Protein backbone atom coordinates (compact mmCIF):
# COMPACT_ATOMS: atom_id res chain seq x y z
CA MET A 1 -0.03 -0.19 -0.25
CA TYR A 2 3.07 2.29 0.23
CA ALA A 3 5.82 3.75 -2.07
CA GLU A 4 9.03 4.37 -2.82
CA PHE A 5 11.69 6.07 -4.64
CA PRO A 6 14.78 6.87 -7.72
CA SER A 7 18.85 6.05 -7.74
CA LEU A 8 20.76 7.17 -4.37
CA SER A 9 24.14 8.13 -3.47
CA ARG A 10 26.28 5.35 -1.50
CA THR A 11 25.75 7.79 0.98
CA LEU A 12 22.43 8.05 1.09
CA ARG A 13 22.24 4.32 1.55
CA ARG A 14 24.17 4.21 4.32
CA SER A 15 22.50 6.94 6.28
CA SER A 16 18.71 5.03 5.31
CA ALA A 17 20.15 1.42 6.93
CA ALA A 18 21.18 4.09 9.53
CA ALA A 19 18.01 5.05 10.90
CA LEU A 20 17.37 1.33 11.82
CA ALA A 21 20.99 0.67 13.47
CA LEU A 22 19.80 2.44 17.48
CA SER A 23 16.73 -0.46 17.16
CA ALA A 24 19.29 -3.31 15.78
CA SER A 25 22.31 -3.17 18.27
CA LEU A 26 19.31 -2.85 21.26
CA VAL A 27 16.99 -5.84 19.98
CA ALA A 28 19.93 -8.08 19.38
CA GLY A 29 21.53 -10.13 21.69
CA VAL A 30 18.11 -10.73 23.88
CA ALA A 31 16.57 -12.40 20.92
CA GLN A 32 19.40 -14.17 19.79
CA ALA A 33 20.21 -15.21 23.88
CA GLN A 34 17.30 -16.78 24.99
CA ALA A 35 13.02 -17.55 23.42
CA PHE A 36 11.70 -14.29 23.53
CA ASP A 37 9.16 -13.64 25.58
CA PHE A 38 7.47 -10.45 27.25
CA GLU A 39 10.32 -10.36 30.42
CA SER A 40 12.74 -10.08 27.22
CA LEU A 41 10.82 -7.04 26.06
CA THR A 42 10.67 -5.77 29.64
CA LYS A 43 14.61 -5.80 29.73
CA LEU A 44 14.58 -3.39 26.21
CA ALA A 45 12.34 -1.23 27.30
CA ARG A 46 14.05 -0.80 30.68
CA GLU A 47 17.49 -0.51 28.80
CA ARG A 48 15.50 2.12 26.43
CA ALA A 49 14.52 4.42 29.12
CA GLU A 50 17.84 4.66 31.09
CA LYS A 51 19.89 6.15 27.74
CA PRO A 52 18.56 9.24 25.81
CA PHE A 53 16.13 9.32 23.28
CA VAL A 54 17.27 8.76 19.78
CA ALA A 55 15.20 9.71 17.34
CA ALA A 56 14.57 7.53 14.20
CA SER A 57 15.53 8.54 10.88
CA ASP A 58 12.85 9.59 8.54
CA LYS A 59 14.90 10.44 5.26
CA LEU A 60 13.46 8.21 2.45
CA PRO A 61 15.12 7.93 -0.65
CA ALA A 62 14.92 10.65 -3.04
CA ASP A 63 12.44 8.85 -5.57
CA LEU A 64 10.33 7.09 -2.83
CA ALA A 65 10.03 10.75 -1.13
CA LYS A 66 8.70 12.45 -4.33
CA LEU A 67 5.79 10.18 -4.35
CA ASP A 68 2.09 12.28 -3.95
CA TYR A 69 -1.12 9.59 -2.11
CA ASP A 70 -1.91 7.95 -5.00
CA GLN A 71 1.29 7.52 -6.30
CA VAL A 72 2.12 5.64 -3.06
CA ARG A 73 -1.21 3.43 -2.47
CA ASP A 74 0.28 2.37 -5.46
CA ILE A 75 3.09 0.46 -4.35
CA ARG A 76 0.80 -3.11 -2.82
CA TYR A 77 2.33 -6.13 -0.73
CA LYS A 78 1.90 -9.08 -2.86
CA PRO A 79 -0.94 -11.19 -1.61
CA GLU A 80 0.98 -14.16 -2.54
CA ARG A 81 3.91 -13.65 -0.51
CA ALA A 82 2.10 -13.16 2.96
CA LEU A 83 3.25 -14.40 5.70
CA TRP A 84 2.39 -17.77 7.01
CA ARG A 85 0.41 -17.94 3.55
CA ALA A 86 2.93 -21.14 1.76
CA GLU A 87 2.09 -23.12 5.22
CA LYS A 88 -1.94 -22.60 5.16
CA LEU A 89 -2.31 -21.04 8.94
CA PRO A 90 -5.34 -19.92 9.64
CA PHE A 91 -3.32 -15.89 10.02
CA GLU A 92 -1.33 -14.51 7.94
CA ALA A 93 0.05 -11.03 7.46
CA MET A 94 0.90 -8.71 5.16
CA PHE A 95 3.42 -5.33 5.47
CA PHE A 96 3.09 -1.83 4.39
CA HIS A 97 6.06 0.14 2.51
CA LEU A 98 7.25 3.02 3.67
CA GLY A 99 6.50 6.70 1.84
CA LEU A 100 4.50 10.11 2.14
CA TYR A 101 3.37 10.27 5.74
CA GLN A 102 4.84 7.29 6.59
CA THR A 103 7.86 7.64 7.07
CA GLN A 104 10.18 6.25 9.92
CA PRO A 105 10.86 2.38 9.56
CA VAL A 106 10.13 -0.11 11.78
CA ARG A 107 11.56 -3.73 12.37
CA ILE A 108 9.61 -6.73 12.16
CA HIS A 109 11.30 -10.25 13.46
CA GLU A 110 8.74 -13.71 13.44
CA ILE A 111 8.96 -15.92 16.81
CA THR A 112 8.57 -19.43 15.71
CA ALA A 113 9.65 -22.73 17.58
CA THR A 114 13.10 -22.72 16.33
CA GLY A 115 13.79 -19.39 17.44
CA THR A 116 13.22 -15.03 15.99
CA ARG A 117 14.48 -13.81 12.90
CA ASP A 118 14.20 -10.35 11.43
CA ILE A 119 11.68 -9.63 8.04
CA THR A 120 13.17 -7.70 6.08
CA TYR A 121 12.49 -5.93 3.51
CA SER A 122 13.02 -7.16 -0.02
CA ARG A 123 11.66 -5.68 -3.45
CA ALA A 124 9.96 -8.88 -4.63
CA ASP A 125 7.24 -8.29 -2.16
CA PHE A 126 5.86 -5.13 -3.59
CA ASP A 127 3.74 -3.91 -6.48
CA TYR A 128 4.66 -0.71 -7.38
CA GLY A 129 2.16 0.16 -10.01
CA LYS A 130 2.97 3.02 -12.60
CA ASN A 131 5.54 3.86 -10.39
CA THR A 132 8.95 5.01 -11.65
CA VAL A 133 11.45 4.33 -9.14
CA GLN A 134 14.40 1.94 -8.45
CA PRO A 135 13.93 -0.30 -5.13
CA GLN A 136 16.82 -2.35 -6.40
CA VAL A 137 19.06 0.69 -4.80
CA TRP A 138 17.22 1.54 -1.56
CA GLY A 139 19.05 -1.22 0.86
CA ASP A 140 16.52 -2.78 3.75
CA LEU A 141 14.31 0.18 4.26
CA GLY A 142 12.47 -1.87 6.75
CA PHE A 143 8.48 -1.00 6.63
CA ALA A 144 5.54 1.37 7.55
CA GLY A 145 3.84 -1.48 9.30
CA PHE A 146 1.92 -4.67 8.44
CA ARG A 147 -1.85 -6.03 8.89
CA ILE A 148 -2.92 -9.00 9.22
CA HIS A 149 -5.27 -10.96 7.36
CA ASN A 150 -7.89 -14.36 8.64
CA HIS A 151 -11.03 -15.74 7.86
CA LEU A 152 -12.99 -13.40 9.79
CA ASN A 153 -16.25 -13.40 7.48
CA SER A 154 -16.46 -16.47 5.46
CA PRO A 155 -13.82 -19.31 5.16
CA GLU A 156 -12.89 -18.43 0.98
CA TYR A 157 -11.18 -15.48 2.02
CA LYS A 158 -9.13 -14.15 4.05
CA ASP A 159 -9.79 -10.42 5.41
CA GLU A 160 -8.09 -7.96 7.27
CA LEU A 161 -8.61 -8.41 10.91
CA ALA A 162 -5.93 -5.72 13.15
CA VAL A 163 -3.57 -2.84 11.12
CA PHE A 164 -0.60 -1.76 13.05
CA GLN A 165 1.02 1.62 11.17
CA GLY A 166 2.26 4.64 12.21
CA ALA A 167 3.03 6.08 16.28
CA SER A 168 1.70 3.17 18.14
CA TYR A 169 -1.88 3.34 15.99
CA PHE A 170 -3.43 0.04 15.74
CA ARG A 171 -6.64 -0.96 15.00
CA ALA A 172 -9.26 -3.96 14.87
CA LEU A 173 -12.48 -5.17 12.95
CA GLY A 174 -14.96 -7.78 14.22
CA ALA A 175 -17.35 -9.76 11.67
CA GLY A 176 -18.77 -7.36 9.39
CA GLN A 177 -17.48 -4.26 10.58
CA GLN A 178 -15.53 -1.32 8.20
CA TYR A 179 -12.55 0.58 9.79
CA GLY A 180 -13.64 3.34 11.96
CA LEU A 181 -11.69 4.68 15.38
CA SER A 182 -8.14 3.54 16.00
CA ALA A 183 -6.31 2.97 19.66
CA ARG A 184 -2.72 3.94 20.50
CA GLY A 185 -0.59 2.18 22.95
CA MET A 186 -0.04 5.61 24.51
CA ALA A 187 -1.27 9.19 24.47
CA ILE A 188 1.47 11.56 25.83
CA ASP A 189 0.06 15.48 27.17
CA THR A 190 -2.65 15.72 24.06
CA VAL A 191 -3.32 18.02 26.45
CA GLY A 192 -2.03 19.20 30.08
CA GLY A 193 1.18 18.97 29.54
CA THR A 194 3.87 21.40 27.45
CA GLY A 195 2.62 19.54 23.52
CA GLU A 196 1.23 16.27 22.39
CA GLU A 197 4.30 14.04 22.40
CA PHE A 198 3.44 10.98 19.83
CA PRO A 199 4.65 7.83 21.56
CA ARG A 200 5.79 5.16 18.70
CA PHE A 201 6.47 1.24 18.02
CA THR A 202 10.23 0.71 16.79
CA ASP A 203 9.81 -3.22 16.34
CA PHE A 204 7.63 -5.58 16.15
CA TRP A 205 7.53 -9.59 17.29
CA LEU A 206 5.13 -11.86 15.48
CA VAL A 207 4.33 -14.96 16.83
CA LYS A 208 3.69 -17.55 14.46
CA PRO A 209 0.35 -19.30 14.97
CA ASP A 210 -0.09 -23.29 14.98
CA ALA A 211 -2.64 -24.33 12.28
CA LYS A 212 -5.43 -24.48 15.44
CA ALA A 213 -4.29 -21.13 16.65
CA ALA A 214 -7.96 -19.10 17.34
CA GLN A 215 -5.54 -16.28 18.26
CA VAL A 216 -2.31 -14.58 16.86
CA THR A 217 -0.04 -12.62 19.63
CA VAL A 218 2.13 -10.01 18.86
CA PHE A 219 4.59 -8.41 20.68
CA ALA A 220 6.49 -4.22 20.55
CA LEU A 221 8.69 -2.03 21.64
CA LEU A 222 7.79 1.60 22.53
CA ASP A 223 9.69 4.23 22.53
CA SER A 224 9.47 8.37 22.73
CA PRO A 225 11.39 11.48 24.19
CA ARG A 226 9.64 10.70 27.79
CA ALA A 227 8.85 7.19 27.77
CA THR A 228 9.37 3.67 26.91
CA GLY A 229 7.38 0.72 26.95
CA ALA A 230 7.07 -3.37 27.19
CA TYR A 231 3.61 -4.39 24.64
CA ARG A 232 1.85 -7.69 24.37
CA PHE A 233 -1.48 -7.78 22.14
CA ASP A 234 -3.60 -11.21 21.80
CA ILE A 235 -5.80 -10.51 18.79
CA ARG A 236 -8.74 -13.06 19.01
CA PRO A 237 -10.74 -12.70 15.88
CA GLY A 238 -14.64 -12.99 15.75
CA ALA A 239 -18.14 -11.32 15.76
CA GLN A 240 -16.31 -8.99 18.30
CA THR A 241 -12.86 -8.93 17.70
CA VAL A 242 -11.21 -9.12 21.42
CA THR A 243 -7.54 -7.59 21.81
CA THR A 244 -6.02 -8.53 24.97
CA VAL A 245 -2.94 -5.81 25.92
CA ARG A 246 -0.66 -6.34 28.51
CA ALA A 247 1.58 -3.19 28.97
CA ARG A 248 4.42 -2.30 31.15
CA VAL A 249 5.95 1.58 30.85
CA PHE A 250 8.69 3.10 31.82
CA VAL A 251 8.80 6.92 33.01
CA ARG A 252 12.34 8.40 30.92
CA GLY A 253 14.57 9.62 33.96
CA ASN A 254 17.07 11.98 31.97
CA ALA A 255 14.14 13.32 29.62
CA ALA A 256 14.06 17.15 29.84
CA LYS A 257 10.05 18.13 30.46
CA PRO A 258 8.32 15.67 32.85
CA ILE A 259 4.79 13.84 31.54
CA GLY A 260 2.18 16.51 32.09
CA THR A 261 -0.84 13.45 30.89
CA LEU A 262 0.03 9.98 30.27
CA GLY A 263 -3.30 8.51 28.82
CA VAL A 264 -3.88 4.69 28.81
CA ALA A 265 -5.46 2.58 26.50
CA PRO A 266 -6.11 5.89 24.00
CA LEU A 267 -8.72 5.65 21.88
CA THR A 268 -9.06 7.92 18.40
CA SER A 269 -12.01 8.96 16.77
CA MET A 270 -14.27 11.42 14.86
CA PHE A 271 -16.98 13.05 15.12
CA PHE A 272 -18.49 15.68 12.95
CA PHE A 273 -21.99 15.89 13.25
CA GLY A 274 -25.38 13.91 14.39
CA GLU A 275 -29.10 14.39 16.00
CA ASN A 276 -27.50 16.66 19.44
CA GLN A 277 -25.71 18.53 16.77
CA PRO A 278 -27.39 18.32 13.11
CA ARG A 279 -25.96 20.28 9.39
CA LYS A 280 -28.53 21.77 7.62
CA GLN A 281 -26.38 21.77 4.67
CA ASP A 282 -25.71 18.23 4.61
CA PHE A 283 -27.82 15.69 2.69
CA ARG A 284 -27.36 13.17 5.60
CA PRO A 285 -28.70 13.23 8.64
CA GLU A 286 -25.11 12.01 10.97
CA VAL A 287 -21.67 11.39 10.17
CA HIS A 288 -18.95 10.19 13.02
CA ASP A 289 -17.50 6.77 13.42
CA SER A 290 -18.71 7.53 17.28
CA ASP A 291 -21.64 8.91 18.36
CA GLY A 292 -20.63 8.46 22.71
CA LEU A 293 -18.48 8.01 25.22
CA MET A 294 -19.16 5.59 27.93
CA VAL A 295 -17.87 5.23 31.40
CA ALA A 296 -18.33 2.49 34.05
CA THR A 297 -16.64 3.16 37.25
CA GLY A 298 -15.80 1.82 39.91
CA GLU A 299 -18.34 3.35 42.12
CA GLY A 300 -21.00 1.54 39.89
CA GLU A 301 -22.45 4.23 38.08
CA TRP A 302 -22.94 3.75 34.34
CA LEU A 303 -22.17 7.36 32.01
CA TRP A 304 -23.01 8.25 28.80
CA ARG A 305 -21.61 11.16 27.22
CA PRO A 306 -23.07 12.04 23.51
CA LEU A 307 -20.00 13.63 21.63
CA GLN A 308 -19.43 17.33 19.81
CA ASN A 309 -17.75 19.04 16.99
CA PRO A 310 -17.15 22.24 19.34
CA GLY A 311 -15.91 25.26 18.18
CA SER A 312 -12.76 25.04 19.65
CA THR A 313 -10.63 22.01 22.22
CA LEU A 314 -13.35 21.06 24.78
CA VAL A 315 -11.42 18.78 27.73
CA THR A 316 -13.52 16.88 30.06
CA SER A 317 -12.59 14.53 32.70
CA PHE A 318 -14.76 11.67 35.03
CA ALA A 319 -12.76 11.17 38.00
CA THR A 320 -12.94 7.47 39.54
CA THR A 321 -11.51 4.82 41.33
CA ASN A 322 -10.82 0.97 39.37
CA PRO A 323 -12.94 1.95 36.86
CA LYS A 324 -14.94 -1.16 35.06
CA GLY A 325 -14.81 0.00 31.22
CA PHE A 326 -15.00 3.27 29.33
CA GLY A 327 -15.13 3.12 25.79
CA LEU A 328 -16.00 4.91 22.35
CA MET A 329 -19.05 4.13 21.24
CA GLN A 330 -21.26 3.70 18.16
CA ARG A 331 -24.44 3.12 19.64
CA ASP A 332 -26.59 4.34 16.42
CA ARG A 333 -25.92 1.24 14.11
CA GLN A 334 -29.30 2.21 11.40
CA TRP A 335 -28.19 2.47 7.70
CA ALA A 336 -30.73 5.73 7.65
CA SER A 337 -28.94 7.12 10.36
CA TYR A 338 -26.08 8.02 7.75
CA GLU A 339 -27.83 7.43 4.37
CA ASP A 340 -24.10 6.63 3.18
CA VAL A 341 -23.84 4.28 0.36
CA GLU A 342 -19.91 4.45 0.67
CA ALA A 343 -18.71 5.32 4.25
CA ARG A 344 -21.04 3.24 5.73
CA TYR A 345 -21.44 4.55 9.46
CA GLU A 346 -23.61 2.21 10.92
CA ARG A 347 -21.17 -1.21 10.60
CA ARG A 348 -18.32 1.54 11.68
CA PRO A 349 -17.17 -0.91 15.56
CA SER A 350 -16.95 0.81 18.65
CA ALA A 351 -14.07 0.41 20.94
CA TRP A 352 -14.77 -1.30 24.76
CA VAL A 353 -12.20 -1.30 27.53
CA ARG A 354 -12.43 -3.64 29.91
CA PRO A 355 -9.30 -3.24 32.68
CA LEU A 356 -7.67 -7.18 33.90
CA HIS A 357 -7.00 -6.10 37.16
CA ASP A 358 -7.00 -2.60 39.54
CA TRP A 359 -6.07 0.65 37.88
CA GLY A 360 -6.47 2.42 41.37
CA PRO A 361 -7.30 6.28 41.10
CA GLY A 362 -7.39 8.70 38.41
CA ARG A 363 -10.03 9.77 35.65
CA VAL A 364 -11.11 9.28 31.51
CA GLU A 365 -10.49 12.08 30.27
CA LEU A 366 -12.62 12.95 26.39
CA VAL A 367 -10.88 15.54 24.43
CA GLN A 368 -12.69 17.01 21.58
CA ASN A 369 -11.51 18.75 18.97
CA ASN A 370 -13.14 20.87 16.56
CA THR A 371 -13.02 19.09 12.99
CA PRO A 372 -14.16 21.14 9.35
CA ASP A 373 -15.11 17.34 7.54
CA GLU A 374 -15.17 13.98 8.25
CA THR A 375 -11.83 13.35 7.10
CA HIS A 376 -9.84 14.71 11.04
CA ASP A 377 -10.13 12.77 13.71
CA ASN A 378 -11.22 15.22 16.47
CA ILE A 379 -12.00 12.81 19.48
CA VAL A 380 -9.51 11.09 21.68
CA ALA A 381 -10.57 9.22 24.90
CA TYR A 382 -8.46 7.81 27.70
CA TRP A 383 -6.98 6.94 31.33
CA VAL A 384 -4.85 9.18 33.01
CA PRO A 385 -3.25 7.56 35.93
CA ALA A 386 -3.40 9.67 39.69
CA LYS A 387 -0.02 9.15 39.68
CA LEU A 388 3.66 8.35 37.76
CA PRO A 389 5.93 5.58 38.89
CA ALA A 390 9.30 7.11 39.78
CA PRO A 391 12.16 6.85 36.58
CA GLY A 392 12.79 2.95 36.55
CA THR A 393 9.72 1.70 37.92
CA PRO A 394 7.39 -0.07 35.54
CA MET A 395 3.57 0.89 35.39
CA GLU A 396 1.90 -2.57 34.14
CA PHE A 397 -1.75 -1.91 32.61
CA ALA A 398 -3.53 -5.01 31.63
CA TYR A 399 -7.16 -4.80 29.35
CA GLU A 400 -9.34 -6.12 26.88
CA LEU A 401 -10.14 -3.75 23.96
CA ALA A 402 -13.35 -5.29 22.26
CA TRP A 403 -14.15 -4.15 18.93
CA GLN A 404 -17.86 -4.16 19.05
CA GLY A 405 -20.42 -4.04 16.87
CA ASP A 406 -24.43 -4.66 17.02
CA GLU A 407 -24.03 -6.81 19.83
CA GLN A 408 -22.27 -4.23 22.43
CA GLN A 409 -21.69 -3.43 25.98
CA ARG A 410 -24.12 -1.58 27.43
CA PRO A 411 -25.00 -1.05 30.79
CA PRO A 412 -27.34 -3.25 32.84
CA GLY A 413 -30.62 -1.04 33.21
CA SER A 414 -31.20 1.32 30.21
CA TRP A 415 -29.55 3.65 27.90
CA VAL A 416 -29.80 6.24 26.08
CA THR A 417 -30.95 5.14 21.98
CA GLN A 418 -31.14 8.86 21.33
CA SER A 419 -30.21 12.50 21.86
CA ARG A 420 -32.12 15.43 19.83
CA ARG A 421 -31.43 19.29 20.65
CA GLY A 422 -33.74 21.83 19.31
CA MET A 423 -37.08 23.42 19.94
CA GLY A 424 -40.55 22.20 18.63
CA PHE A 425 -43.42 24.81 18.16
CA THR A 426 -42.29 28.18 19.87
CA LYS A 427 -44.13 31.62 20.18
CA GLN A 428 -40.86 33.06 22.35
CA SER A 429 -38.93 35.67 21.57
CA ALA A 430 -35.17 34.88 19.30
CA GLU A 431 -33.24 36.48 22.34
CA VAL A 432 -35.41 33.90 24.50
CA LEU A 433 -34.47 30.92 22.30
CA ARG A 434 -30.51 32.05 22.30
CA ARG A 435 -30.64 31.49 25.95
CA GLN A 436 -32.52 28.37 26.56
CA GLY A 437 -31.85 24.51 25.04
CA GLN A 438 -34.50 21.79 24.63
CA TYR A 439 -33.33 18.44 24.61
CA VAL A 440 -34.83 15.42 23.64
CA VAL A 441 -33.90 11.64 25.05
CA ASP A 442 -35.05 8.64 24.32
CA PHE A 443 -33.57 5.60 26.95
CA ASN A 444 -34.54 1.47 26.40
CA GLY A 445 -33.66 -1.55 28.49
CA PRO A 446 -34.61 -4.50 30.55
CA ALA A 447 -35.26 -2.32 33.55
CA LEU A 448 -37.51 -0.24 32.06
CA ALA A 449 -39.26 -3.02 30.01
CA ALA A 450 -39.74 -4.76 32.82
CA LEU A 451 -42.08 -1.53 34.59
CA PRO A 452 -46.03 -2.12 34.66
CA ALA A 453 -47.88 -0.01 32.43
CA ASP A 454 -49.17 2.33 35.21
CA ALA A 455 -45.26 2.63 36.50
CA THR A 456 -44.40 6.23 37.28
CA VAL A 457 -40.92 7.20 36.03
CA LYS A 458 -39.45 10.55 37.23
CA ALA A 459 -36.25 12.82 35.46
CA VAL A 460 -33.84 13.85 37.68
CA VAL A 461 -32.18 16.31 36.08
CA THR A 462 -29.58 18.35 37.79
CA ALA A 463 -27.72 21.13 35.59
CA ASP A 464 -24.17 23.15 36.79
CA ALA A 465 -24.33 26.66 38.30
CA ASN A 466 -24.08 28.38 35.24
CA GLY A 467 -27.99 26.21 34.11
CA LYS A 468 -31.61 26.58 35.43
CA ILE A 469 -33.89 23.98 34.43
CA LEU A 470 -37.49 25.27 33.56
CA GLU A 471 -38.83 21.57 32.66
CA ASN A 472 -37.82 18.07 32.86
CA ALA A 473 -40.38 15.08 31.96
CA ALA A 474 -40.72 11.84 31.63
CA TYR A 475 -43.02 9.65 30.19
CA ARG A 476 -43.52 6.13 27.47
CA ASN A 477 -43.02 6.78 23.93
CA PRO A 478 -46.66 5.61 22.21
CA ALA A 479 -45.38 5.22 19.33
CA THR A 480 -42.09 2.80 19.87
CA GLY A 481 -42.99 1.29 23.56
CA GLN A 482 -39.54 3.26 24.92
CA TRP A 483 -39.02 6.11 27.48
CA ARG A 484 -38.83 9.44 26.35
CA MET A 485 -37.14 12.86 29.15
CA THR A 486 -37.68 16.35 27.43
CA VAL A 487 -35.42 19.18 29.73
CA ARG A 488 -35.30 22.69 29.13
CA VAL A 489 -32.79 24.99 30.37
CA GLN A 490 -31.90 27.91 30.59
CA ARG A 491 -28.56 30.01 30.63
CA GLN A 492 -27.33 32.13 33.05
CA GLN A 493 -24.25 33.43 30.85
CA THR A 494 -24.33 32.28 27.20
CA ASP A 495 -20.61 33.03 26.71
CA ARG A 496 -20.48 29.61 29.52
CA PRO A 497 -20.90 26.18 28.67
CA ILE A 498 -23.60 24.49 30.83
CA GLU A 499 -23.23 21.23 32.15
CA LEU A 500 -26.36 18.40 32.32
CA ARG A 501 -26.64 15.42 34.35
CA ALA A 502 -29.83 12.92 33.98
CA PHE A 503 -31.33 9.67 34.62
CA LEU A 504 -34.32 8.18 35.17
CA GLN A 505 -35.60 6.96 38.37
CA HIS A 506 -38.39 4.80 39.67
CA ASP A 507 -39.44 4.15 43.34
CA ASN A 508 -36.19 5.97 44.42
CA ASN A 509 -34.27 3.73 41.98
CA ALA A 510 -32.08 4.58 39.05
CA VAL A 511 -33.63 2.48 36.40
CA SER A 512 -31.38 3.96 33.29
CA GLU A 513 -27.44 5.33 33.09
CA THR A 514 -26.36 8.43 33.76
CA TRP A 515 -26.68 11.39 30.26
CA THR A 516 -24.51 13.91 31.05
CA HIS A 517 -24.03 16.87 28.34
CA ILE A 518 -22.28 19.91 27.84
CA ILE A 519 -23.60 22.35 26.15
CA LEU A 520 -21.83 24.71 24.37
CA PRO A 521 -20.98 28.21 24.88
CA GLU A 522 -22.85 30.55 22.04
């Protein structure tokens, strides 16, 4: 999928090979001296953390560096040369070519029963399409990343299952899904620091599966100016593909600046517009890869925060201890909600993070940036631990990351099915309407379905000091059988946001998750 370039002088070829030198020197001893495992990888990460950071070279051969987006896309890995294809194993791997935005090489290795070997770049593995380039003089470029294939949707064809490419980004698919949001190994100072730092996976080890393997394992070594990390990914395909992640992170003691915000299990997505923030000039009702952040707190509360496309960066967080899970979810899975025959947003996966041990105190942080269109990711969510470890002391996290489709994580009681903002017919003045907002929120789930027909359900709604609740009501929708809540709120100061919280209550018991929403400043 990525491209290559014209002839190079001997000096440039040496420079390209040097781009991988540091990584090779760190890896060599451990990988050959013993069977490679997570402890071996931890040793590498610790050794890197004890040394000053050295950035990888991003110099490409001159002819490769000149290729534009379409030309780079014209370079494709040859499927018949996929790793493990000849042995007819249940998983295969193909590799991405360097070019354009992907300029820093990664080293890739294979772990087999007999040891560990390097997978080196070979021009024979790629079809260069219509490009006029000279890969025969490039030497060992390395790769931009890789993708894993599996019989995800049918026994006749191995579909893409997972991709690792760019910084520490990766993503995966469950059956019937199309790529949407991404995950990362780590986020550093997305907000709250001296500028965002993008750690990157510099080395990968692919464990050769056996003939009956139900999952595939990938090890990765992470590096950045302020942290290193050892990662293990066990990827199990299915209706919801589950990636089990184990990470040991080391903070660099020799970094010039301390870490302000360390983001664990970060998720990155896109929200352009939706039912709570419609866009009049677009024929499509909604455009987004995710429509909300869901959090299961350690204290037992379930929270739903509808996503938005703010005019400027909006950062909110939810403090808790030992969270049970969080995720960026695509709850709305009806094609009619999007009407996009190409993008098929109703097929985009939700990503649910479930910790596999106690994470202690911290916060789930949500960063929402402005995006002018649907081509830019503008949403980030991650866990921030309350305290970072001392340099040299590992910080360990283990979690499941489930890529979910129509069947996805829900609160045990009931949940929000849609959030709509807007007024119905009214004779109020434009000035009054400018200071007021109205929301219509629908709920559904087993706790509500179990209520008798004459049940009394109350909407419990609160606002911060900048909002005054004028009206709220809860009632059964006769058209759908679901429950609907309406809220009308008045803004005290139009240049400040309002934070709303609401849930449904029956007999003093909460029967829904908590809907929590930010009304943006005018």
